[in-house]
């Protein structure tokens, strides 16, 4: 039984999600205390509870202590089963974080899987669905995984109501990958998604992007959604390079100017471009686990967050790998090896 302290490092939900994923894959049970201890509302929130319940369902696990607000639980996995699954968060809690808990494990299932998750798809505390499709999904594909992620309906905070469907085929072994340079830029574009929000908001966001990035009109896209998917607004900038794709985002909020939303995402993009690294801060955090499952790999990143170093600590508890971060000035290199 692996004993984990949820207050370690960054102290958020990633400790639990990574533990669930690797427990299912390795068959090692774990106990965790102090779940999300460093958050304003510690313990399991609805999206974390759904992640636990979903992991238990696909791996026939025994769980203890899994209720909303619980600050400890035990997870004893069985065999990972393929099939069709449906999970409803019931709030604007993140579909993408639940999906990221399940995806790597389903690569080790005994049959293909289809997973439907309803809840939030675009909120400020989680990667948006487009990030999984374009950035994380591309890395998995290059490692040999066959995963298709479909955004059926947007779910903005606080209403939720979104839906993601993922189709996952079993993969015998992920291939080691090296992402040391991003290579030549193939495309860059900005999208302002609006639902039940005036079109002027999207126009102002994209005008700010145009001024800051020097992009042309074809690179500035207004994505109008049906009013029943809102109200909500998300500004996404996608940079596709020869070796990697990354997605940067910011979300509209009441009393926040469109120009300030754009400024937030532009700042992220500029930091990434200036670093010269292959992947951005958030993608680095997410690909660490599949790289570790492959047994080895290297990538450069614009920034190593506390979230990432905490994730590395949990991975080391389940897998016989060393994860090292080397500071190279403008960027850092993550090296994973047995």
C-alpha atoms as a PDB file:
ATOM      1  CA  UNK A   1       0.000   0.000   0.000  1.00  0.00           C
ATOM      2  CA  UNK A   2       1.511   3.322  -1.120  1.00  0.00           C
ATOM      3  CA  UNK A   3       0.921   6.093   1.427  1.00  0.00           C
ATOM      4  CA  UNK A   4       0.510   9.609   0.008  1.00  0.00           C
ATOM      5  CA  UNK A   5       0.170  13.006   1.658  1.00  0.00           C
ATOM      6  CA  UNK A   6      -2.087  15.257  -0.415  1.00  0.00           C
ATOM      7  CA  UNK A   7      -0.536  18.329   1.239  1.00  0.00           C
ATOM      8  CA  UNK A   8       2.822  17.597  -0.406  1.00  0.00           C
ATOM      9  CA  UNK A   9       4.203  20.262  -2.730  1.00  0.00           C
ATOM     10  CA  UNK A  10       1.512  22.078  -4.635  1.00  0.00           C
ATOM     11  CA  UNK A  11      -1.150  20.325  -2.574  1.00  0.00           C
ATOM     12  CA  UNK A  12      -3.943  20.265  -5.161  1.00  0.00           C
ATOM     13  CA  UNK A  13      -6.020  17.692  -6.995  1.00  0.00           C
ATOM     14  CA  UNK A  14      -3.209  16.598  -9.330  1.00  0.00           C
ATOM     15  CA  UNK A  15      -1.711  14.421  -6.572  1.00  0.00           C
ATOM     16  CA  UNK A  16      -4.933  12.416  -6.436  1.00  0.00           C
ATOM     17  CA  UNK A  17      -5.455  12.239 -10.215  1.00  0.00           C
ATOM     18  CA  UNK A  18      -1.920  11.034 -10.944  1.00  0.00           C
ATOM     19  CA  UNK A  19      -2.159   8.480  -8.132  1.00  0.00           C
ATOM     20  CA  UNK A  20      -5.439   7.135  -9.519  1.00  0.00           C
ATOM     21  CA  UNK A  21      -4.013   6.806 -13.033  1.00  0.00           C
ATOM     22  CA  UNK A  22      -0.831   5.040 -11.983  1.00  0.00           C
ATOM     23  CA  UNK A  23      -2.559   2.856  -9.416  1.00  0.00           C
ATOM     24  CA  UNK A  24      -4.839   1.511 -12.146  1.00  0.00           C
ATOM     25  CA  UNK A  25      -1.948   0.904 -14.548  1.00  0.00           C
ATOM     26  CA  UNK A  26       0.512  -0.645 -12.075  1.00  0.00           C
ATOM     27  CA  UNK A  27      -2.013  -2.442  -9.880  1.00  0.00           C
ATOM     28  CA  UNK A  28      -0.550  -0.830  -6.758  1.00  0.00           C
ATOM     29  CA  UNK A  29      -3.135   0.271  -4.161  1.00  0.00           C
ATOM     30  CA  UNK A  30      -2.718   3.562  -2.337  1.00  0.00           C
ATOM     31  CA  UNK A  31      -4.012   5.549   0.600  1.00  0.00           C
ATOM     32  CA  UNK A  32      -4.058   9.327   0.515  1.00  0.00           C
ATOM     33  CA  UNK A  33      -4.585  11.792   3.377  1.00  0.00           C
ATOM     34  CA  UNK A  34      -4.951  15.584   3.373  1.00  0.00           C
ATOM     35  CA  UNK A  35      -6.563  15.657  -0.083  1.00  0.00           C
ATOM     36  CA  UNK A  36      -6.293  19.159  -1.622  1.00  0.00           C
ATOM     37  CA  UNK A  37      -5.023  20.445   1.726  1.00  0.00           C
ATOM     38  CA  UNK A  38      -3.640  23.651   0.210  1.00  0.00           C
ATOM     39  CA  UNK A  39      -6.909  24.735  -1.384  1.00  0.00           C
ATOM     40  CA  UNK A  40      -9.456  27.182   0.110  1.00  0.00           C
ATOM     41  CA  UNK A  41     -11.967  24.301   0.283  1.00  0.00           C
ATOM     42  CA  UNK A  42      -9.923  21.174   1.096  1.00  0.00           C
ATOM     43  CA  UNK A  43     -11.112  17.664   0.316  1.00  0.00           C
ATOM     44  CA  UNK A  44     -12.885  16.138  -2.646  1.00  0.00           C
ATOM     45  CA  UNK A  45     -15.002  18.433  -4.779  1.00  0.00           C
ATOM     46  CA  UNK A  46     -17.527  17.025  -7.202  1.00  0.00           C
ATOM     47  CA  UNK A  47     -15.106  16.680 -10.135  1.00  0.00           C
ATOM     48  CA  UNK A  48     -12.539  14.881  -7.952  1.00  0.00           C
ATOM     49  CA  UNK A  49     -15.179  12.501  -6.638  1.00  0.00           C
ATOM     50  CA  UNK A  50     -16.273  11.692 -10.198  1.00  0.00           C
ATOM     51  CA  UNK A  51     -12.625  11.020 -11.128  1.00  0.00           C
ATOM     52  CA  UNK A  52     -12.369   8.552  -8.226  1.00  0.00           C
ATOM     53  CA  UNK A  53     -15.671   6.877  -9.091  1.00  0.00           C
ATOM     54  CA  UNK A  54     -14.787   6.710 -12.786  1.00  0.00           C
ATOM     55  CA  UNK A  55     -11.372   5.207 -12.057  1.00  0.00           C
ATOM     56  CA  UNK A  56     -13.014   2.672  -9.764  1.00  0.00           C
ATOM     57  CA  UNK A  57     -15.527   1.701 -12.436  1.00  0.00           C
ATOM     58  CA  UNK A  58     -13.040   1.156 -15.245  1.00  0.00           C
ATOM     59  CA  UNK A  59     -10.645  -0.802 -13.007  1.00  0.00           C
ATOM     60  CA  UNK A  60     -13.152  -2.621 -10.772  1.00  0.00           C
ATOM     61  CA  UNK A  61     -11.500  -1.018  -7.756  1.00  0.00           C
ATOM     62  CA  UNK A  62     -12.455  -1.067  -4.108  1.00  0.00           C
ATOM     63  CA  UNK A  63     -12.592   2.444  -2.658  1.00  0.00           C
ATOM     64  CA  UNK A  64     -13.080   3.805   0.809  1.00  0.00           C
ATOM     65  CA  UNK A  65     -13.835   7.311   2.009  1.00  0.00           C
ATOM     66  CA  UNK A  66     -15.035   8.680  -1.326  1.00  0.00           C
ATOM     67  CA  UNK A  67     -17.627  11.372  -0.655  1.00  0.00           C
ATOM     68  CA  UNK A  68     -17.727  15.095  -1.384  1.00  0.00           C
ATOM     69  CA  UNK A  69     -15.541  16.813   1.197  1.00  0.00           C
ATOM     70  CA  UNK A  70     -13.541  13.698   2.098  1.00  0.00           C
ATOM     71  CA  UNK A  71      -9.898  14.473   2.852  1.00  0.00           C
ATOM     72  CA  UNK A  72      -8.686  10.864   2.767  1.00  0.00           C
ATOM     73  CA  UNK A  73      -9.453   7.700   0.826  1.00  0.00           C
ATOM     74  CA  UNK A  74      -8.119   4.286  -0.089  1.00  0.00           C
ATOM     75  CA  UNK A  75      -8.023   2.895  -3.644  1.00  0.00           C
ATOM     76  CA  UNK A  76      -7.394  -0.791  -4.435  1.00  0.00           C
ATOM     77  CA  UNK A  77      -7.536  -1.362  -8.218  1.00  0.00           C
ATOM     78  CA  UNK A  78      -8.470  -4.465 -10.173  1.00  0.00           C
ATOM     79  CA  UNK A  79      -8.129  -5.101 -13.902  1.00  0.00           C
ATOM     80  CA  UNK A  80      -8.712  -2.225 -16.340  1.00  0.00           C
ATOM     81  CA  UNK A  81     -11.705  -2.965 -18.554  1.00  0.00           C
ATOM     82  CA  UNK A  82     -12.496  -1.490 -21.947  1.00  0.00           C
ATOM     83  CA  UNK A  83     -16.057  -0.615 -22.892  1.00  0.00           C
ATOM     84  CA  UNK A  84     -18.471   2.309 -23.058  1.00  0.00           C
ATOM     85  CA  UNK A  85     -18.684   4.568 -20.028  1.00  0.00           C
ATOM     86  CA  UNK A  86     -20.739   7.620 -19.045  1.00  0.00           C
ATOM     87  CA  UNK A  87     -19.831   9.948 -16.197  1.00  0.00           C
ATOM     88  CA  UNK A  88     -21.717  13.095 -15.158  1.00  0.00           C
ATOM     89  CA  UNK A  89     -20.021  15.677 -12.949  1.00  0.00           C
ATOM     90  CA  UNK A  90     -23.288  17.547 -12.416  1.00  0.00           C
ATOM     91  CA  UNK A  91     -21.544  20.925 -12.011  1.00  0.00           C
ATOM     92  CA  UNK A  92     -19.113  23.032 -14.067  1.00  0.00           C
ATOM     93  CA  UNK A  93     -16.308  20.883 -12.639  1.00  0.00           C
ATOM     94  CA  UNK A  94     -13.787  19.963 -15.296  1.00  0.00           C
ATOM     95  CA  UNK A  95     -14.511  17.159 -17.758  1.00  0.00           C
ATOM     96  CA  UNK A  96     -10.946  17.447 -19.031  1.00  0.00           C
ATOM     97  CA  UNK A  97      -9.343  16.698 -15.659  1.00  0.00           C
ATOM     98  CA  UNK A  98     -11.540  13.631 -15.205  1.00  0.00           C
ATOM     99  CA  UNK A  99     -10.686  12.526 -18.728  1.00  0.00           C
ATOM    100  CA  UNK A 100      -6.957  12.999 -18.157  1.00  0.00           C
ATOM    101  CA  UNK A 101      -7.231  10.684 -15.150  1.00  0.00           C
ATOM    102  CA  UNK A 102      -8.737   7.933 -17.299  1.00  0.00           C
ATOM    103  CA  UNK A 103      -7.030   8.287 -20.693  1.00  0.00           C
ATOM    104  CA  UNK A 104      -3.579   6.819 -19.904  1.00  0.00           C
ATOM    105  CA  UNK A 105      -5.166   3.944 -17.979  1.00  0.00           C
ATOM    106  CA  UNK A 106      -7.505   3.033 -20.833  1.00  0.00           C
ATOM    107  CA  UNK A 107      -4.468   2.589 -23.084  1.00  0.00           C
ATOM    108  CA  UNK A 108      -3.823  -0.507 -20.932  1.00  0.00           C
ATOM    109  CA  UNK A 109      -7.398  -1.841 -21.075  1.00  0.00           C
ATOM    110  CA  UNK A 110      -8.351  -5.219 -22.526  1.00  0.00           C
ATOM    111  CA  UNK A 111     -10.500  -3.673 -25.288  1.00  0.00           C
ATOM    112  CA  UNK A 112     -11.276  -0.296 -26.921  1.00  0.00           C
ATOM    113  CA  UNK A 113     -13.210   2.258 -24.883  1.00  0.00           C
ATOM    114  CA  UNK A 114     -15.630   5.119 -25.438  1.00  0.00           C
ATOM    115  CA  UNK A 115     -15.969   7.596 -22.573  1.00  0.00           C
ATOM    116  CA  UNK A 116     -18.708  10.251 -22.319  1.00  0.00           C
ATOM    117  CA  UNK A 117     -18.201  12.932 -19.649  1.00  0.00           C
ATOM    118  CA  UNK A 118     -20.564  15.838 -18.967  1.00  0.00           C
ATOM    119  CA  UNK A 119     -19.740  18.957 -16.948  1.00  0.00           C
ATOM    120  CA  UNK A 120     -17.396  21.884 -17.541  1.00  0.00           C
ATOM    121  CA  UNK A 121     -15.197  21.969 -20.643  1.00  0.00           C
ATOM    122  CA  UNK A 122     -13.823  25.529 -20.457  1.00  0.00           C
ATOM    123  CA  UNK A 123     -12.940  27.099 -17.120  1.00  0.00           C
ATOM    124  CA  UNK A 124      -9.912  28.849 -15.703  1.00  0.00           C
ATOM    125  CA  UNK A 125      -8.782  26.052 -13.379  1.00  0.00           C
ATOM    126  CA  UNK A 126      -8.281  23.328 -15.992  1.00  0.00           C
ATOM    127  CA  UNK A 127      -7.007  22.792 -19.540  1.00  0.00           C
ATOM    128  CA  UNK A 128      -9.743  23.387 -22.138  1.00  0.00           C
ATOM    129  CA  UNK A 129     -10.941  20.580 -24.380  1.00  0.00           C
ATOM    130  CA  UNK A 130      -9.008  22.049 -27.331  1.00  0.00           C
ATOM    131  CA  UNK A 131      -5.775  21.664 -25.366  1.00  0.00           C
ATOM    132  CA  UNK A 132      -6.408  17.935 -25.031  1.00  0.00           C
ATOM    133  CA  UNK A 133      -7.304  17.620 -28.711  1.00  0.00           C
ATOM    134  CA  UNK A 134      -4.476  19.637 -30.248  1.00  0.00           C
ATOM    135  CA  UNK A 135      -1.564  19.613 -27.779  1.00  0.00           C
ATOM    136  CA  UNK A 136      -1.795  16.656 -25.379  1.00  0.00           C
ATOM    137  CA  UNK A 137      -3.432  14.447 -28.015  1.00  0.00           C
ATOM    138  CA  UNK A 138      -0.682  15.138 -30.534  1.00  0.00           C
ATOM    139  CA  UNK A 139       1.991  14.024 -28.054  1.00  0.00           C
ATOM    140  CA  UNK A 140       0.089  10.808 -27.278  1.00  0.00           C
ATOM    141  CA  UNK A 141      -0.274  10.098 -31.006  1.00  0.00           C
ATOM    142  CA  UNK A 142       3.444  10.516 -31.574  1.00  0.00           C
ATOM    143  CA  UNK A 143       4.045   8.056 -28.741  1.00  0.00           C
ATOM    144  CA  UNK A 144       1.913   5.462 -30.531  1.00  0.00           C
ATOM    145  CA  UNK A 145      -1.475   5.940 -28.836  1.00  0.00           C
ATOM    146  CA  UNK A 146      -4.742   6.032 -30.768  1.00  0.00           C
ATOM    147  CA  UNK A 147      -7.021   8.520 -29.008  1.00  0.00           C
ATOM    148  CA  UNK A 148      -9.818  10.625 -30.476  1.00  0.00           C
ATOM    149  CA  UNK A 149     -11.325  13.418 -28.381  1.00  0.00           C
ATOM    150  CA  UNK A 150     -14.560  15.055 -29.521  1.00  0.00           C
ATOM    151  CA  UNK A 151     -16.051  18.182 -27.977  1.00  0.00           C
ATOM    152  CA  UNK A 152     -19.801  17.678 -28.318  1.00  0.00           C
ATOM    153  CA  UNK A 153     -20.926  20.732 -26.381  1.00  0.00           C
ATOM    154  CA  UNK A 154     -19.230  23.608 -24.563  1.00  0.00           C
ATOM    155  CA  UNK A 155     -19.649  23.897 -20.813  1.00  0.00           C
ATOM    156  CA  UNK A 156     -18.590  27.249 -19.354  1.00  0.00           C
ATOM    157  CA  UNK A 157     -18.339  28.162 -15.660  1.00  0.00           C
ATOM    158  CA  UNK A 158     -20.655  28.387 -13.742  1.00  0.00           C
ATOM    159  CA  UNK A 159     -23.400  26.635 -15.757  1.00  0.00           C
ATOM    160  CA  UNK A 160     -21.437  23.625 -17.018  1.00  0.00           C
ATOM    161  CA  UNK A 161     -23.541  21.371 -19.235  1.00  0.00           C
ATOM    162  CA  UNK A 162     -20.714  20.535 -21.656  1.00  0.00           C
ATOM    163  CA  UNK A 163     -19.858  17.122 -23.048  1.00  0.00           C
ATOM    164  CA  UNK A 164     -16.646  15.432 -24.179  1.00  0.00           C
ATOM    165  CA  UNK A 165     -16.450  12.018 -25.836  1.00  0.00           C
ATOM    166  CA  UNK A 166     -13.141  10.154 -26.027  1.00  0.00           C
ATOM    167  CA  UNK A 167     -12.430   7.003 -28.001  1.00  0.00           C
ATOM    168  CA  UNK A 168      -9.358   5.099 -26.833  1.00  0.00           C
ATOM    169  CA  UNK A 169      -7.687   2.018 -28.309  1.00  0.00           C
ATOM    170  CA  UNK A 170      -5.396  -0.193 -26.233  1.00  0.00           C
ATOM    171  CA  UNK A 171      -1.677   0.449 -26.729  1.00  0.00           C
ATOM    172  CA  UNK A 172       0.830  -2.253 -25.851  1.00  0.00           C
ATOM    173  CA  UNK A 173       3.654   0.137 -24.999  1.00  0.00           C
ATOM    174  CA  UNK A 174       4.065   3.882 -25.423  1.00  0.00           C
ATOM    175  CA  UNK A 175       7.110   4.831 -27.476  1.00  0.00           C
ATOM    176  CA  UNK A 176       9.798   6.995 -25.835  1.00  0.00           C
ATOM    177  CA  UNK A 177       9.824  10.512 -27.272  1.00  0.00           C
ATOM    178  CA  UNK A 178      12.205  13.449 -27.310  1.00  0.00           C
ATOM    179  CA  UNK A 179      10.805  16.973 -27.700  1.00  0.00           C
ATOM    180  CA  UNK A 180      13.881  19.154 -27.473  1.00  0.00           C
ATOM    181  CA  UNK A 181      12.943  21.786 -30.074  1.00  0.00           C
ATOM    182  CA  UNK A 182       9.605  22.985 -31.374  1.00  0.00           C
ATOM    183  CA  UNK A 183      10.867  23.356 -34.949  1.00  0.00           C
ATOM    184  CA  UNK A 184       9.490  25.679 -37.595  1.00  0.00           C
ATOM    185  CA  UNK A 185       6.128  27.302 -36.952  1.00  0.00           C
ATOM    186  CA  UNK A 186       3.507  25.881 -39.289  1.00  0.00           C
ATOM    187  CA  UNK A 187       0.524  27.943 -38.157  1.00  0.00           C
ATOM    188  CA  UNK A 188      -0.692  30.304 -35.471  1.00  0.00           C
ATOM    189  CA  UNK A 189      -4.240  31.488 -34.897  1.00  0.00           C
ATOM    190  CA  UNK A 190      -6.555  32.977 -32.301  1.00  0.00           C
ATOM    191  CA  UNK A 191     -10.158  31.955 -31.642  1.00  0.00           C
ATOM    192  CA  UNK A 192     -12.669  33.809 -29.516  1.00  0.00           C
ATOM    193  CA  UNK A 193     -15.532  31.530 -28.541  1.00  0.00           C
ATOM    194  CA  UNK A 194     -18.687  33.334 -27.430  1.00  0.00           C
ATOM    195  CA  UNK A 195     -22.039  31.992 -26.261  1.00  0.00           C
ATOM    196  CA  UNK A 196     -24.702  34.412 -25.093  1.00  0.00           C
ATOM    197  CA  UNK A 197     -22.067  37.167 -25.110  1.00  0.00           C
ATOM    198  CA  UNK A 198     -22.016  40.240 -27.425  1.00  0.00           C
ATOM    199  CA  UNK A 199     -19.934  39.792 -30.583  1.00  0.00           C
ATOM    200  CA  UNK A 200     -18.113  43.023 -29.711  1.00  0.00           C
ATOM    201  CA  UNK A 201     -16.333  41.140 -26.916  1.00  0.00           C
ATOM    202  CA  UNK A 202     -14.783  38.729 -29.412  1.00  0.00           C
ATOM    203  CA  UNK A 203     -13.883  41.567 -31.808  1.00  0.00           C
ATOM    204  CA  UNK A 204     -12.057  43.494 -29.087  1.00  0.00           C
ATOM    205  CA  UNK A 205     -10.175  40.429 -27.881  1.00  0.00           C
ATOM    206  CA  UNK A 206      -9.020  39.581 -31.393  1.00  0.00           C
ATOM    207  CA  UNK A 207      -8.091  43.205 -32.137  1.00  0.00           C
ATOM    208  CA  UNK A 208      -5.791  43.115 -29.113  1.00  0.00           C
ATOM    209  CA  UNK A 209      -4.227  39.880 -30.347  1.00  0.00           C
ATOM    210  CA  UNK A 210      -3.739  41.375 -33.807  1.00  0.00           C
ATOM    211  CA  UNK A 211      -1.949  44.410 -32.383  1.00  0.00           C
ATOM    212  CA  UNK A 212       0.271  42.384 -30.060  1.00  0.00           C
ATOM    213  CA  UNK A 213       1.089  39.472 -32.369  1.00  0.00           C
ATOM    214  CA  UNK A 214       0.985  41.171 -35.763  1.00  0.00           C
ATOM    215  CA  UNK A 215      -1.325  38.472 -37.096  1.00  0.00           C
ATOM    216  CA  UNK A 216      -3.478  38.838 -40.215  1.00  0.00           C
ATOM    217  CA  UNK A 217      -7.268  38.648 -40.415  1.00  0.00           C
ATOM    218  CA  UNK A 218      -7.366  34.943 -41.459  1.00  0.00           C
ATOM    219  CA  UNK A 219      -5.611  34.139 -38.182  1.00  0.00           C
ATOM    220  CA  UNK A 220      -8.281  35.890 -36.089  1.00  0.00           C
ATOM    221  CA  UNK A 221     -11.448  33.800 -35.772  1.00  0.00           C
ATOM    222  CA  UNK A 222     -14.758  34.529 -34.075  1.00  0.00           C
ATOM    223  CA  UNK A 223     -16.416  31.255 -33.049  1.00  0.00           C
ATOM    224  CA  UNK A 224     -20.068  31.969 -32.313  1.00  0.00           C
ATOM    225  CA  UNK A 225     -21.866  29.289 -30.297  1.00  0.00           C
ATOM    226  CA  UNK A 226     -25.554  28.791 -29.646  1.00  0.00           C
ATOM    227  CA  UNK A 227     -26.875  30.886 -26.770  1.00  0.00           C
ATOM    228  CA  UNK A 228     -27.916  27.800 -24.810  1.00  0.00           C
ATOM    229  CA  UNK A 229     -24.245  26.887 -24.368  1.00  0.00           C
ATOM    230  CA  UNK A 230     -23.573  30.105 -22.484  1.00  0.00           C
ATOM    231  CA  UNK A 231     -23.095  32.590 -21.202  1.00  0.00           C
ATOM    232  CA  UNK A 232     -19.404  32.145 -21.725  1.00  0.00           C
ATOM    233  CA  UNK A 233     -16.291  33.381 -23.510  1.00  0.00           C
ATOM    234  CA  UNK A 234     -12.931  31.720 -24.116  1.00  0.00           C
ATOM    235  CA  UNK A 235      -9.980  33.163 -26.004  1.00  0.00           C
ATOM    236  CA  UNK A 236      -7.595  30.506 -27.347  1.00  0.00           C
ATOM    237  CA  UNK A 237      -4.276  30.976 -29.149  1.00  0.00           C
ATOM    238  CA  UNK A 238      -2.909  27.891 -30.893  1.00  0.00           C
ATOM    239  CA  UNK A 239       0.680  27.609 -32.098  1.00  0.00           C
ATOM    240  CA  UNK A 240       1.440  24.619 -34.290  1.00  0.00           C
ATOM    241  CA  UNK A 241       5.114  23.857 -34.874  1.00  0.00           C
ATOM    242  CA  UNK A 242       6.970  21.124 -36.693  1.00  0.00           C
ATOM    243  CA  UNK A 243       7.438  19.037 -33.548  1.00  0.00           C
ATOM    244  CA  UNK A 244       4.815  20.293 -31.094  1.00  0.00           C
ATOM    245  CA  UNK A 245       1.504  22.101 -30.812  1.00  0.00           C
ATOM    246  CA  UNK A 246       0.517  24.173 -27.791  1.00  0.00           C
ATOM    247  CA  UNK A 247      -2.694  25.946 -26.821  1.00  0.00           C
ATOM    248  CA  UNK A 248      -2.909  28.994 -24.554  1.00  0.00           C
ATOM    249  CA  UNK A 249      -6.159  30.334 -23.142  1.00  0.00           C
ATOM    250  CA  UNK A 250      -7.914  32.922 -21.025  1.00  0.00           C
ATOM    251  CA  UNK A 251     -11.563  33.234 -20.086  1.00  0.00           C
ATOM    252  CA  UNK A 252     -13.966  36.133 -20.051  1.00  0.00           C
ATOM    253  CA  UNK A 253     -15.449  37.078 -16.696  1.00  0.00           C
ATOM    254  CA  UNK A 254     -17.969  39.631 -15.463  1.00  0.00           C
ATOM    255  CA  UNK A 255     -16.392  43.052 -14.923  1.00  0.00           C
ATOM    256  CA  UNK A 256     -13.197  42.029 -16.784  1.00  0.00           C
ATOM    257  CA  UNK A 257     -12.465  43.965 -19.985  1.00  0.00           C
ATOM    258  CA  UNK A 258     -11.989  42.039 -23.227  1.00  0.00           C
ATOM    259  CA  UNK A 259      -8.606  43.707 -23.638  1.00  0.00           C
ATOM    260  CA  UNK A 260      -7.495  42.367 -20.247  1.00  0.00           C
ATOM    261  CA  UNK A 261      -8.558  38.831 -21.189  1.00  0.00           C
ATOM    262  CA  UNK A 262      -6.452  39.133 -24.349  1.00  0.00           C
ATOM    263  CA  UNK A 263      -3.513  40.596 -22.399  1.00  0.00           C
ATOM    264  CA  UNK A 264      -3.482  37.563 -20.114  1.00  0.00           C
ATOM    265  CA  UNK A 265      -3.219  34.999 -22.901  1.00  0.00           C
ATOM    266  CA  UNK A 266      -0.788  37.109 -24.952  1.00  0.00           C
ATOM    267  CA  UNK A 267       1.546  37.199 -21.954  1.00  0.00           C
ATOM    268  CA  UNK A 268       1.570  33.384 -21.822  1.00  0.00           C
ATOM    269  CA  UNK A 269       2.282  33.118 -25.545  1.00  0.00           C
ATOM    270  CA  UNK A 270       5.095  35.664 -25.467  1.00  0.00           C
ATOM    271  CA  UNK A 271       6.802  33.854 -22.585  1.00  0.00           C
ATOM    272  CA  UNK A 272       6.608  30.582 -24.498  1.00  0.00           C
ATOM    273  CA  UNK A 273       7.932  32.073 -27.741  1.00  0.00           C
ATOM    274  CA  UNK A 274      10.784  33.872 -25.987  1.00  0.00           C
ATOM    275  CA  UNK A 275      11.869  30.720 -24.126  1.00  0.00           C
ATOM    276  CA  UNK A 276      12.618  28.747 -27.281  1.00  0.00           C
ATOM    277  CA  UNK A 277      11.316  25.608 -25.505  1.00  0.00           C
ATOM    278  CA  UNK A 278       9.392  22.832 -27.242  1.00  0.00           C
ATOM    279  CA  UNK A 279       6.384  22.915 -24.897  1.00  0.00           C
ATOM    280  CA  UNK A 280       4.739  25.381 -22.537  1.00  0.00           C
ATOM    281  CA  UNK A 281       4.290  25.154 -18.791  1.00  0.00           C
ATOM    282  CA  UNK A 282       0.973  23.301 -18.760  1.00  0.00           C
ATOM    283  CA  UNK A 283       1.727  20.821 -21.533  1.00  0.00           C
ATOM    284  CA  UNK A 284       4.997  19.950 -19.760  1.00  0.00           C
ATOM    285  CA  UNK A 285       3.063  19.057 -16.647  1.00  0.00           C
ATOM    286  CA  UNK A 286       0.632  16.815 -18.527  1.00  0.00           C
ATOM    287  CA  UNK A 287       3.045  14.867 -20.751  1.00  0.00           C
ATOM    288  CA  UNK A 288       5.337  13.915 -17.872  1.00  0.00           C
ATOM    289  CA  UNK A 289       3.176  10.915 -16.982  1.00  0.00           C
ATOM    290  CA  UNK A 290       3.034   9.306 -20.459  1.00  0.00           C
ATOM    291  CA  UNK A 291       6.775   9.964 -20.850  1.00  0.00           C
ATOM    292  CA  UNK A 292       7.356   8.103 -17.573  1.00  0.00           C
ATOM    293  CA  UNK A 293       5.129   5.238 -18.724  1.00  0.00           C
ATOM    294  CA  UNK A 294       7.284   4.968 -21.850  1.00  0.00           C
ATOM    295  CA  UNK A 295      10.287   4.506 -19.566  1.00  0.00           C
ATOM    296  CA  UNK A 296      12.394   7.359 -20.890  1.00  0.00           C
ATOM    297  CA  UNK A 297      12.281  10.640 -22.761  1.00  0.00           C
ATOM    298  CA  UNK A 298      13.277  14.293 -22.721  1.00  0.00           C
ATOM    299  CA  UNK A 299      11.570  17.582 -23.427  1.00  0.00           C
ATOM    300  CA  UNK A 300      12.267  21.275 -23.006  1.00  0.00           C
ATOM    301  CA  UNK A 301       9.729  23.550 -21.365  1.00  0.00           C
ATOM    302  CA  UNK A 302       9.329  27.277 -20.894  1.00  0.00           C
ATOM    303  CA  UNK A 303       8.720  26.935 -17.149  1.00  0.00           C
ATOM    304  CA  UNK A 304       8.745  24.212 -14.485  1.00  0.00           C
ATOM    305  CA  UNK A 305       5.893  24.924 -12.092  1.00  0.00           C
ATOM    306  CA  UNK A 306       5.418  23.634  -8.571  1.00  0.00           C
ATOM    307  CA  UNK A 307       2.484  21.723 -10.021  1.00  0.00           C
ATOM    308  CA  UNK A 308       4.952  19.883 -12.276  1.00  0.00           C
ATOM    309  CA  UNK A 309       7.490  19.083  -9.555  1.00  0.00           C
ATOM    310  CA  UNK A 310       4.698  17.773  -7.326  1.00  0.00           C
ATOM    311  CA  UNK A 311       3.447  15.603 -10.168  1.00  0.00           C
ATOM    312  CA  UNK A 312       6.965  14.241 -10.646  1.00  0.00           C
ATOM    313  CA  UNK A 313       7.133  13.244  -6.968  1.00  0.00           C
ATOM    314  CA  UNK A 314       3.905  11.231  -7.226  1.00  0.00           C
ATOM    315  CA  UNK A 315       5.012   9.527 -10.445  1.00  0.00           C
ATOM    316  CA  UNK A 316       8.243   8.414  -8.769  1.00  0.00           C
ATOM    317  CA  UNK A 317       6.225   6.691  -6.029  1.00  0.00           C
ATOM    318  CA  UNK A 318       4.564   4.380  -8.562  1.00  0.00           C
ATOM    319  CA  UNK A 319       7.113   3.930 -11.352  1.00  0.00           C
ATOM    320  CA  UNK A 320      10.813   2.992 -11.303  1.00  0.00           C
ATOM    321  CA  UNK A 321      11.932   6.153 -13.089  1.00  0.00           C
ATOM    322  CA  UNK A 322      14.100   9.144 -12.311  1.00  0.00           C
ATOM    323  CA  UNK A 323      12.694  12.559 -13.271  1.00  0.00           C
ATOM    324  CA  UNK A 324      15.194  15.409 -13.357  1.00  0.00           C
ATOM    325  CA  UNK A 325      14.846  19.087 -14.238  1.00  0.00           C
ATOM    326  CA  UNK A 326      17.817  20.950 -15.681  1.00  0.00           C
ATOM    327  CA  UNK A 327      17.797  24.746 -15.865  1.00  0.00           C
ATOM    328  CA  UNK A 328      19.131  25.933 -19.220  1.00  0.00           C
ATOM    329  CA  UNK A 329      18.570  29.652 -18.772  1.00  0.00           C
ATOM    330  CA  UNK A 330      15.563  30.706 -20.840  1.00  0.00           C
ATOM    331  CA  UNK A 331      14.056  27.224 -20.603  1.00  0.00           C
ATOM    332  CA  UNK A 332      14.369  23.984 -18.633  1.00  0.00           C
ATOM    333  CA  UNK A 333      14.863  20.379 -19.702  1.00  0.00           C
ATOM    334  CA  UNK A 334      12.962  17.497 -18.144  1.00  0.00           C
ATOM    335  CA  UNK A 335      14.832  14.181 -18.363  1.00  0.00           C
ATOM    336  CA  UNK A 336      13.051  10.907 -17.565  1.00  0.00           C
ATOM    337  CA  UNK A 337      14.911   7.606 -17.393  1.00  0.00           C
ATOM    338  CA  UNK A 338      14.821   4.261 -15.654  1.00  0.00           C
END
